[in-house]
Amino acid sequence: MSSYQQESSQQFRWHYAEFDDSNFQIHGRTLFFIVVLFSIIILVALLFIYARWVCRIGPPPASTSAPHARSPLPPPPRGLDAATINSFPIVLHKNSPADGGAGEAECCICLGVFGDGEKVKVLPQCEHCFHSECVDKWLTTHSSCPLCRASLRVDSPV
């Protein structure tokens, strides 16, 4: 076994002088593939930088791209004014046994049941009934019936 150890130690005996890389050369295809790979990496990096620049800046505003375009109209007011809300009639609710209780028996905003003789506000276009406090809060932010969405806005004649 000593001869085996001697042979194996000779195989793995490396010296720095044996690894002289002064003769290292890149020829033909290898050089071509290195240049192509380096070019692809640079191209992808430039495309990435350009994409980030475009996304950061964003599209041009509409006013600069079309100078003849009109400015957008301001949104119409969403709710009704207090005078219009107060002009809606308030009636006393009456449970009629002739309907078999099929009439409106509850406020769809608060889900409270209308009592006999309770004051309810009637919307003129659709004639739906609601508690006055409930529908007043609704109509300050919306201009439609909370149940059927019928418009309650009164268009003034021009």
N, C-alpha and C. Protein backbone atom coordinates (compact mmCIF):
# COMPACT_ATOMS: atom_id res chain seq x y z
N MET A 1 0.80 -1.20 0.00
CA MET A 1 0.00 0.00 0.00
C MET A 1 0.84 1.26 0.00
N SER A 2 2.03 1.14 0.37
CA SER A 2 2.88 2.30 0.37
C SER A 2 3.16 2.77 -1.06
N SER A 3 3.23 1.84 -1.98
CA SER A 3 3.46 2.23 -3.37
C SER A 3 2.22 2.96 -3.93
N TYR A 4 1.04 2.51 -3.47
CA TYR A 4 -0.20 3.17 -3.91
C TYR A 4 -0.27 4.60 -3.37
N GLN A 5 0.09 4.76 -2.13
CA GLN A 5 0.10 6.09 -1.54
C GLN A 5 1.12 6.98 -2.22
N GLN A 6 2.22 6.39 -2.62
CA GLN A 6 3.25 7.16 -3.27
C GLN A 6 2.78 7.61 -4.65
N GLU A 7 2.08 6.73 -5.38
CA GLU A 7 1.58 7.09 -6.70
C GLU A 7 0.48 8.14 -6.61
N SER A 8 -0.41 7.98 -5.63
CA SER A 8 -1.50 8.94 -5.51
C SER A 8 -1.00 10.31 -5.06
N SER A 9 0.03 10.36 -4.25
CA SER A 9 0.55 11.65 -3.82
C SER A 9 1.26 12.35 -4.98
N GLN A 10 1.83 11.56 -5.90
CA GLN A 10 2.47 12.17 -7.05
C GLN A 10 1.42 12.73 -8.01
N GLN A 11 0.27 12.09 -8.11
CA GLN A 11 -0.77 12.56 -9.00
C GLN A 11 -1.34 13.90 -8.53
N PHE A 12 -1.45 14.11 -7.28
CA PHE A 12 -2.08 15.31 -6.75
C PHE A 12 -1.07 16.38 -6.34
N ARG A 13 0.12 16.23 -6.73
CA ARG A 13 1.14 17.21 -6.41
C ARG A 13 1.13 18.26 -7.52
N TRP A 14 0.56 19.39 -7.19
CA TRP A 14 0.48 20.47 -8.17
C TRP A 14 1.35 21.62 -7.70
N HIS A 15 1.91 22.23 -8.66
CA HIS A 15 2.74 23.38 -8.36
C HIS A 15 2.18 24.57 -9.10
N TYR A 16 2.39 25.73 -8.53
CA TYR A 16 1.90 26.95 -9.16
C TYR A 16 2.55 27.15 -10.54
N ALA A 17 3.75 26.73 -10.69
CA ALA A 17 4.48 26.90 -11.94
C ALA A 17 3.84 26.08 -13.06
N GLU A 18 3.19 24.98 -12.72
CA GLU A 18 2.55 24.14 -13.73
C GLU A 18 1.32 24.82 -14.31
N PHE A 19 0.71 25.74 -13.61
CA PHE A 19 -0.50 26.43 -14.07
C PHE A 19 -0.15 27.80 -14.64
N ASP A 20 0.72 27.85 -15.54
CA ASP A 20 1.09 29.10 -16.17
C ASP A 20 0.02 29.47 -17.19
N ASP A 21 -0.68 30.60 -16.94
CA ASP A 21 -1.76 30.99 -17.85
C ASP A 21 -1.33 32.11 -18.79
N SER A 22 -0.09 32.29 -18.96
CA SER A 22 0.38 33.31 -19.89
C SER A 22 0.09 32.92 -21.33
N ASN A 23 -0.17 31.66 -21.57
CA ASN A 23 -0.48 31.20 -22.92
C ASN A 23 -1.99 31.11 -23.14
N PHE A 24 -2.77 31.62 -22.23
CA PHE A 24 -4.24 31.54 -22.35
C PHE A 24 -4.71 32.40 -23.52
N GLN A 25 -5.49 31.81 -24.42
CA GLN A 25 -5.98 32.53 -25.59
C GLN A 25 -7.42 32.12 -25.85
N ILE A 26 -8.18 33.08 -26.35
CA ILE A 26 -9.56 32.79 -26.75
C ILE A 26 -9.60 32.87 -28.27
N HIS A 27 -10.09 31.83 -28.87
CA HIS A 27 -10.08 31.74 -30.33
C HIS A 27 -11.48 31.61 -30.89
N GLY A 28 -11.69 32.09 -32.09
CA GLY A 28 -12.84 31.85 -32.95
C GLY A 28 -14.20 32.00 -32.30
N ARG A 29 -14.90 30.88 -32.22
CA ARG A 29 -16.30 30.86 -31.75
C ARG A 29 -16.44 31.35 -30.31
N THR A 30 -15.51 31.01 -29.47
CA THR A 30 -15.60 31.40 -28.07
C THR A 30 -15.63 32.92 -27.93
N LEU A 31 -14.75 33.59 -28.64
CA LEU A 31 -14.73 35.04 -28.60
C LEU A 31 -16.03 35.62 -29.14
N PHE A 32 -16.53 35.04 -30.21
CA PHE A 32 -17.80 35.50 -30.79
C PHE A 32 -18.95 35.35 -29.80
N PHE A 33 -19.06 34.23 -29.14
CA PHE A 33 -20.15 34.00 -28.17
C PHE A 33 -20.03 34.91 -26.95
N ILE A 34 -18.83 35.21 -26.53
CA ILE A 34 -18.65 36.13 -25.40
C ILE A 34 -19.12 37.52 -25.79
N VAL A 35 -18.77 37.98 -26.98
CA VAL A 35 -19.19 39.31 -27.44
C VAL A 35 -20.71 39.36 -27.60
N VAL A 36 -21.32 38.32 -28.16
CA VAL A 36 -22.78 38.29 -28.33
C VAL A 36 -23.48 38.29 -26.97
N LEU A 37 -23.01 37.49 -26.03
CA LEU A 37 -23.61 37.43 -24.70
C LEU A 37 -23.50 38.77 -23.99
N PHE A 38 -22.37 39.41 -24.07
CA PHE A 38 -22.18 40.72 -23.45
C PHE A 38 -23.11 41.76 -24.10
N SER A 39 -23.26 41.72 -25.42
CA SER A 39 -24.15 42.65 -26.12
C SER A 39 -25.61 42.45 -25.70
N ILE A 40 -26.03 41.22 -25.55
CA ILE A 40 -27.41 40.93 -25.13
C ILE A 40 -27.65 41.45 -23.72
N ILE A 41 -26.71 41.26 -22.83
CA ILE A 41 -26.86 41.74 -21.45
C ILE A 41 -26.98 43.26 -21.44
N ILE A 42 -26.15 43.96 -22.21
CA ILE A 42 -26.23 45.42 -22.26
C ILE A 42 -27.56 45.87 -22.87
N LEU A 43 -28.03 45.21 -23.92
CA LEU A 43 -29.30 45.56 -24.55
C LEU A 43 -30.47 45.37 -23.59
N VAL A 44 -30.50 44.29 -22.86
CA VAL A 44 -31.58 44.05 -21.88
C VAL A 44 -31.53 45.10 -20.76
N ALA A 45 -30.36 45.44 -20.31
CA ALA A 45 -30.24 46.45 -19.26
C ALA A 45 -30.73 47.81 -19.75
N LEU A 46 -30.39 48.18 -20.98
CA LEU A 46 -30.86 49.46 -21.52
C LEU A 46 -32.38 49.46 -21.72
N LEU A 47 -32.94 48.36 -22.17
CA LEU A 47 -34.40 48.28 -22.31
C LEU A 47 -35.10 48.38 -20.96
N PHE A 48 -34.53 47.78 -19.96
CA PHE A 48 -35.10 47.85 -18.62
C PHE A 48 -35.07 49.29 -18.09
N ILE A 49 -33.95 49.97 -18.28
CA ILE A 49 -33.84 51.36 -17.83
C ILE A 49 -34.83 52.24 -18.59
N TYR A 50 -34.97 52.03 -19.89
CA TYR A 50 -35.92 52.81 -20.69
C TYR A 50 -37.36 52.55 -20.24
N ALA A 51 -37.71 51.30 -19.96
CA ALA A 51 -39.07 50.97 -19.52
C ALA A 51 -39.37 51.63 -18.17
N ARG A 52 -38.43 51.65 -17.27
CA ARG A 52 -38.65 52.32 -15.98
C ARG A 52 -38.82 53.82 -16.16
N TRP A 53 -38.06 54.41 -17.07
CA TRP A 53 -38.17 55.84 -17.34
C TRP A 53 -39.53 56.17 -17.93
N VAL A 54 -40.02 55.36 -18.86
CA VAL A 54 -41.32 55.60 -19.48
C VAL A 54 -42.43 55.43 -18.46
N CYS A 55 -42.35 54.42 -17.62
CA CYS A 55 -43.39 54.19 -16.61
C CYS A 55 -43.40 55.30 -15.56
N ARG A 56 -42.25 55.84 -15.24
CA ARG A 56 -42.19 56.88 -14.22
C ARG A 56 -42.78 58.18 -14.75
N ILE A 57 -42.51 58.51 -15.98
CA ILE A 57 -43.02 59.75 -16.55
C ILE A 57 -44.50 59.62 -16.89
N GLY A 58 -44.94 58.51 -17.45
CA GLY A 58 -46.34 58.30 -17.78
C GLY A 58 -46.71 58.96 -19.10
N PRO A 59 -47.94 58.76 -19.53
CA PRO A 59 -48.38 59.35 -20.79
C PRO A 59 -48.53 60.86 -20.66
N PRO A 60 -48.45 61.57 -21.78
CA PRO A 60 -48.61 63.01 -21.71
C PRO A 60 -50.04 63.38 -21.33
N PRO A 61 -50.23 64.50 -20.64
CA PRO A 61 -51.58 64.91 -20.26
C PRO A 61 -52.42 65.19 -21.51
N ALA A 62 -53.73 65.07 -21.37
CA ALA A 62 -54.63 65.23 -22.49
C ALA A 62 -54.59 66.65 -23.04
N SER A 63 -54.34 67.63 -22.19
CA SER A 63 -54.35 69.02 -22.64
C SER A 63 -53.18 69.32 -23.57
N THR A 64 -52.03 68.65 -23.37
CA THR A 64 -50.90 68.91 -24.25
C THR A 64 -51.00 68.12 -25.54
N SER A 65 -51.64 66.95 -25.52
CA SER A 65 -51.72 66.16 -26.73
C SER A 65 -52.80 66.68 -27.68
N ALA A 66 -53.84 67.28 -27.16
CA ALA A 66 -54.91 67.82 -28.00
C ALA A 66 -55.25 69.22 -27.52
N PRO A 67 -54.60 70.25 -28.05
CA PRO A 67 -54.84 71.60 -27.53
C PRO A 67 -56.24 72.11 -27.84
N HIS A 68 -56.90 71.57 -28.85
CA HIS A 68 -58.24 72.03 -29.20
C HIS A 68 -59.33 71.36 -28.38
N ALA A 69 -58.97 70.36 -27.57
CA ALA A 69 -59.98 69.65 -26.77
C ALA A 69 -60.49 70.55 -25.64
N ARG A 70 -61.77 70.41 -25.34
CA ARG A 70 -62.37 71.20 -24.27
C ARG A 70 -61.96 70.62 -22.92
N SER A 71 -61.94 71.47 -21.92
CA SER A 71 -61.66 70.99 -20.59
C SER A 71 -62.88 70.22 -20.09
N PRO A 72 -62.65 69.20 -19.26
CA PRO A 72 -63.79 68.41 -18.79
C PRO A 72 -64.74 69.24 -17.94
N LEU A 73 -66.02 68.94 -18.07
CA LEU A 73 -67.03 69.66 -17.31
C LEU A 73 -66.97 69.23 -15.86
N PRO A 74 -67.23 70.13 -14.94
CA PRO A 74 -67.25 69.73 -13.54
C PRO A 74 -68.44 68.81 -13.30
N PRO A 75 -68.30 67.86 -12.38
CA PRO A 75 -69.40 66.94 -12.13
C PRO A 75 -70.61 67.68 -11.55
N PRO A 76 -71.79 67.25 -11.91
CA PRO A 76 -72.98 67.91 -11.36
C PRO A 76 -73.08 67.66 -9.86
N PRO A 77 -73.72 68.55 -9.13
CA PRO A 77 -73.87 68.32 -7.69
C PRO A 77 -74.63 67.03 -7.45
N ARG A 78 -74.19 66.30 -6.45
CA ARG A 78 -74.74 64.97 -6.24
C ARG A 78 -76.08 64.99 -5.50
N GLY A 79 -76.19 65.78 -4.48
CA GLY A 79 -77.42 65.77 -3.67
C GLY A 79 -78.37 66.88 -4.04
N LEU A 80 -79.48 66.91 -3.35
CA LEU A 80 -80.48 67.96 -3.56
C LEU A 80 -80.27 69.05 -2.52
N ASP A 81 -80.72 70.25 -2.85
CA ASP A 81 -80.59 71.34 -1.89
C ASP A 81 -81.70 71.24 -0.83
N ALA A 82 -81.51 71.92 0.28
CA ALA A 82 -82.44 71.83 1.42
C ALA A 82 -83.85 72.28 1.05
N ALA A 83 -83.98 73.30 0.19
CA ALA A 83 -85.31 73.78 -0.19
C ALA A 83 -86.09 72.72 -0.95
N THR A 84 -85.41 71.99 -1.84
CA THR A 84 -86.08 70.92 -2.60
C THR A 84 -86.47 69.77 -1.67
N ILE A 85 -85.58 69.42 -0.76
CA ILE A 85 -85.86 68.32 0.17
C ILE A 85 -87.06 68.69 1.06
N ASN A 86 -87.12 69.91 1.53
CA ASN A 86 -88.23 70.34 2.40
C ASN A 86 -89.54 70.51 1.63
N SER A 87 -89.48 70.58 0.31
CA SER A 87 -90.71 70.75 -0.47
C SER A 87 -91.48 69.44 -0.66
N PHE A 88 -90.84 68.31 -0.37
CA PHE A 88 -91.54 67.03 -0.53
C PHE A 88 -92.59 66.88 0.56
N PRO A 89 -93.79 66.33 0.22
CA PRO A 89 -94.88 66.25 1.19
C PRO A 89 -94.62 65.23 2.30
N ILE A 90 -95.11 65.58 3.49
CA ILE A 90 -95.06 64.67 4.63
C ILE A 90 -96.50 64.29 4.96
N VAL A 91 -96.77 62.99 5.04
CA VAL A 91 -98.13 62.51 5.32
C VAL A 91 -98.09 61.57 6.51
N LEU A 92 -99.26 61.28 7.04
CA LEU A 92 -99.38 60.31 8.13
C LEU A 92 -99.60 58.93 7.52
N HIS A 93 -98.78 57.98 7.97
CA HIS A 93 -98.91 56.62 7.44
C HIS A 93 -100.12 55.95 8.07
N LYS A 94 -100.85 55.20 7.26
CA LYS A 94 -102.03 54.51 7.77
C LYS A 94 -101.99 53.08 7.26
N ASN A 95 -102.01 52.12 8.20
CA ASN A 95 -102.09 50.71 7.81
C ASN A 95 -103.53 50.41 7.45
N SER A 96 -103.77 50.04 6.23
CA SER A 96 -105.14 49.74 5.82
C SER A 96 -105.33 48.23 5.73
N PRO A 97 -106.35 47.70 6.43
CA PRO A 97 -106.60 46.27 6.38
C PRO A 97 -107.11 45.84 5.01
N ALA A 98 -107.60 46.78 4.20
CA ALA A 98 -108.11 46.41 2.87
C ALA A 98 -106.97 45.95 1.97
N ASP A 99 -105.75 46.50 2.17
CA ASP A 99 -104.61 46.08 1.36
C ASP A 99 -104.08 44.72 1.80
N GLY A 100 -104.51 44.28 2.94
CA GLY A 100 -103.97 43.03 3.48
C GLY A 100 -102.53 43.20 3.95
N GLY A 101 -102.19 44.46 4.27
CA GLY A 101 -100.82 44.73 4.73
C GLY A 101 -99.83 44.70 3.57
N ALA A 102 -100.31 44.79 2.32
CA ALA A 102 -99.42 44.70 1.17
C ALA A 102 -98.75 46.03 0.86
N GLY A 103 -99.18 47.14 1.48
CA GLY A 103 -98.58 48.44 1.22
C GLY A 103 -97.19 48.52 1.83
N GLU A 104 -96.52 49.67 1.64
CA GLU A 104 -95.20 49.85 2.21
C GLU A 104 -95.34 49.88 3.73
N ALA A 105 -94.70 48.92 4.38
CA ALA A 105 -94.82 48.81 5.83
C ALA A 105 -93.53 49.16 6.54
N GLU A 106 -92.45 49.42 5.80
CA GLU A 106 -91.20 49.75 6.46
C GLU A 106 -90.38 50.70 5.61
N CYS A 107 -89.52 51.41 6.29
CA CYS A 107 -88.58 52.34 5.64
C CYS A 107 -87.40 51.51 5.15
N CYS A 108 -87.14 51.54 3.86
CA CYS A 108 -86.05 50.70 3.33
C CYS A 108 -84.67 51.25 3.66
N ILE A 109 -84.59 52.45 4.23
CA ILE A 109 -83.28 53.00 4.61
C ILE A 109 -82.87 52.48 5.98
N CYS A 110 -83.75 52.63 6.97
CA CYS A 110 -83.41 52.18 8.32
C CYS A 110 -84.04 50.84 8.67
N LEU A 111 -84.90 50.32 7.79
CA LEU A 111 -85.61 49.06 7.98
C LEU A 111 -86.54 49.09 9.18
N GLY A 112 -86.95 50.30 9.59
CA GLY A 112 -87.91 50.43 10.68
C GLY A 112 -89.33 50.32 10.13
N VAL A 113 -90.18 49.68 10.89
CA VAL A 113 -91.58 49.48 10.49
C VAL A 113 -92.36 50.77 10.74
N PHE A 114 -93.20 51.17 9.78
CA PHE A 114 -94.04 52.34 9.95
C PHE A 114 -95.17 52.01 10.91
N GLY A 115 -95.32 52.87 11.89
CA GLY A 115 -96.44 52.69 12.81
C GLY A 115 -97.66 53.44 12.28
N ASP A 116 -98.81 53.09 12.80
CA ASP A 116 -100.05 53.75 12.38
C ASP A 116 -100.00 55.20 12.85
N GLY A 117 -100.18 56.16 11.94
CA GLY A 117 -100.17 57.57 12.28
C GLY A 117 -98.77 58.17 12.31
N GLU A 118 -97.75 57.44 11.89
CA GLU A 118 -96.38 57.96 11.88
C GLU A 118 -96.18 58.85 10.65
N LYS A 119 -95.38 59.94 10.83
CA LYS A 119 -95.13 60.86 9.73
C LYS A 119 -94.09 60.25 8.79
N VAL A 120 -94.43 60.20 7.49
CA VAL A 120 -93.52 59.70 6.46
C VAL A 120 -93.44 60.72 5.33
N LYS A 121 -92.29 60.76 4.68
CA LYS A 121 -92.11 61.67 3.55
C LYS A 121 -92.34 60.88 2.27
N VAL A 122 -93.13 61.45 1.36
CA VAL A 122 -93.46 60.80 0.09
C VAL A 122 -92.67 61.50 -1.02
N LEU A 123 -91.96 60.70 -1.81
CA LEU A 123 -91.21 61.27 -2.93
C LEU A 123 -92.16 61.42 -4.12
N PRO A 124 -92.16 62.58 -4.78
CA PRO A 124 -93.19 62.87 -5.77
C PRO A 124 -93.11 62.01 -7.04
N GLN A 125 -91.95 61.69 -7.56
CA GLN A 125 -91.88 60.98 -8.83
C GLN A 125 -92.33 59.52 -8.72
N CYS A 126 -91.97 58.84 -7.65
CA CYS A 126 -92.27 57.41 -7.54
C CYS A 126 -93.26 57.09 -6.42
N GLU A 127 -93.54 58.06 -5.55
CA GLU A 127 -94.47 57.93 -4.43
C GLU A 127 -94.05 56.86 -3.41
N HIS A 128 -92.73 56.65 -3.26
CA HIS A 128 -92.24 55.77 -2.20
C HIS A 128 -92.20 56.57 -0.91
N CYS A 129 -92.43 55.88 0.22
CA CYS A 129 -92.48 56.53 1.53
C CYS A 129 -91.29 56.12 2.38
N PHE A 130 -90.78 57.08 3.14
CA PHE A 130 -89.64 56.85 4.03
C PHE A 130 -89.80 57.72 5.26
N HIS A 131 -89.08 57.34 6.34
CA HIS A 131 -89.02 58.25 7.49
C HIS A 131 -88.39 59.55 7.02
N SER A 132 -88.89 60.66 7.51
CA SER A 132 -88.42 61.96 7.07
C SER A 132 -86.93 62.15 7.36
N GLU A 133 -86.48 61.77 8.56
CA GLU A 133 -85.07 61.93 8.92
C GLU A 133 -84.18 61.06 8.04
N CYS A 134 -84.62 59.85 7.75
CA CYS A 134 -83.81 58.92 6.95
C CYS A 134 -83.63 59.44 5.53
N VAL A 135 -84.74 59.81 4.89
CA VAL A 135 -84.66 60.22 3.50
C VAL A 135 -83.99 61.58 3.36
N ASP A 136 -84.10 62.44 4.36
CA ASP A 136 -83.42 63.74 4.29
C ASP A 136 -81.91 63.56 4.26
N LYS A 137 -81.39 62.65 5.09
CA LYS A 137 -79.95 62.37 5.08
C LYS A 137 -79.52 61.79 3.73
N TRP A 138 -80.33 60.91 3.19
CA TRP A 138 -80.04 60.30 1.90
C TRP A 138 -80.00 61.36 0.79
N LEU A 139 -81.00 62.23 0.77
CA LEU A 139 -81.13 63.19 -0.32
C LEU A 139 -80.09 64.31 -0.28
N THR A 140 -79.42 64.50 0.85
CA THR A 140 -78.36 65.51 0.87
C THR A 140 -77.13 65.04 0.08
N THR A 141 -77.00 63.72 -0.10
CA THR A 141 -75.85 63.20 -0.85
C THR A 141 -76.24 62.53 -2.16
N HIS A 142 -77.53 62.23 -2.36
CA HIS A 142 -78.00 61.58 -3.58
C HIS A 142 -79.19 62.35 -4.13
N SER A 143 -79.39 62.26 -5.42
CA SER A 143 -80.53 62.96 -6.02
C SER A 143 -81.53 61.97 -6.61
N SER A 144 -81.60 60.79 -6.03
CA SER A 144 -82.52 59.77 -6.53
C SER A 144 -83.21 59.07 -5.37
N CYS A 145 -84.27 58.36 -5.70
CA CYS A 145 -85.00 57.58 -4.69
C CYS A 145 -84.11 56.44 -4.22
N PRO A 146 -84.03 56.19 -2.91
CA PRO A 146 -83.18 55.10 -2.42
C PRO A 146 -83.70 53.73 -2.80
N LEU A 147 -84.97 53.62 -3.14
CA LEU A 147 -85.53 52.31 -3.46
C LEU A 147 -85.46 52.00 -4.95
N CYS A 148 -85.97 52.90 -5.80
CA CYS A 148 -86.04 52.61 -7.23
C CYS A 148 -85.05 53.41 -8.06
N ARG A 149 -84.32 54.33 -7.44
CA ARG A 149 -83.33 55.18 -8.08
C ARG A 149 -83.91 56.14 -9.12
N ALA A 150 -85.17 56.44 -9.01
CA ALA A 150 -85.78 57.44 -9.91
C ALA A 150 -85.20 58.80 -9.56
N SER A 151 -84.88 59.58 -10.59
CA SER A 151 -84.27 60.89 -10.37
C SER A 151 -85.28 61.85 -9.76
N LEU A 152 -84.86 62.59 -8.76
CA LEU A 152 -85.71 63.56 -8.09
C LEU A 152 -85.27 64.98 -8.42
N ARG A 153 -84.27 65.13 -9.26
CA ARG A 153 -83.76 66.45 -9.60
C ARG A 153 -84.74 67.14 -10.52
N VAL A 154 -85.06 68.38 -10.18
CA VAL A 154 -85.98 69.18 -10.99
C VAL A 154 -85.13 70.03 -11.91
N ASP A 155 -85.24 69.76 -13.21
CA ASP A 155 -84.45 70.55 -14.18
C ASP A 155 -85.15 71.87 -14.43
N SER A 156 -84.40 72.94 -14.25
CA SER A 156 -84.98 74.26 -14.44
C SER A 156 -85.02 74.55 -15.94
N PRO A 157 -86.12 75.18 -16.43
CA PRO A 157 -86.20 75.48 -17.86
C PRO A 157 -85.19 76.56 -18.22
N VAL A 158 -84.55 76.38 -19.36
CA VAL A 158 -83.51 77.31 -19.79
C VAL A 158 -84.11 78.39 -20.65
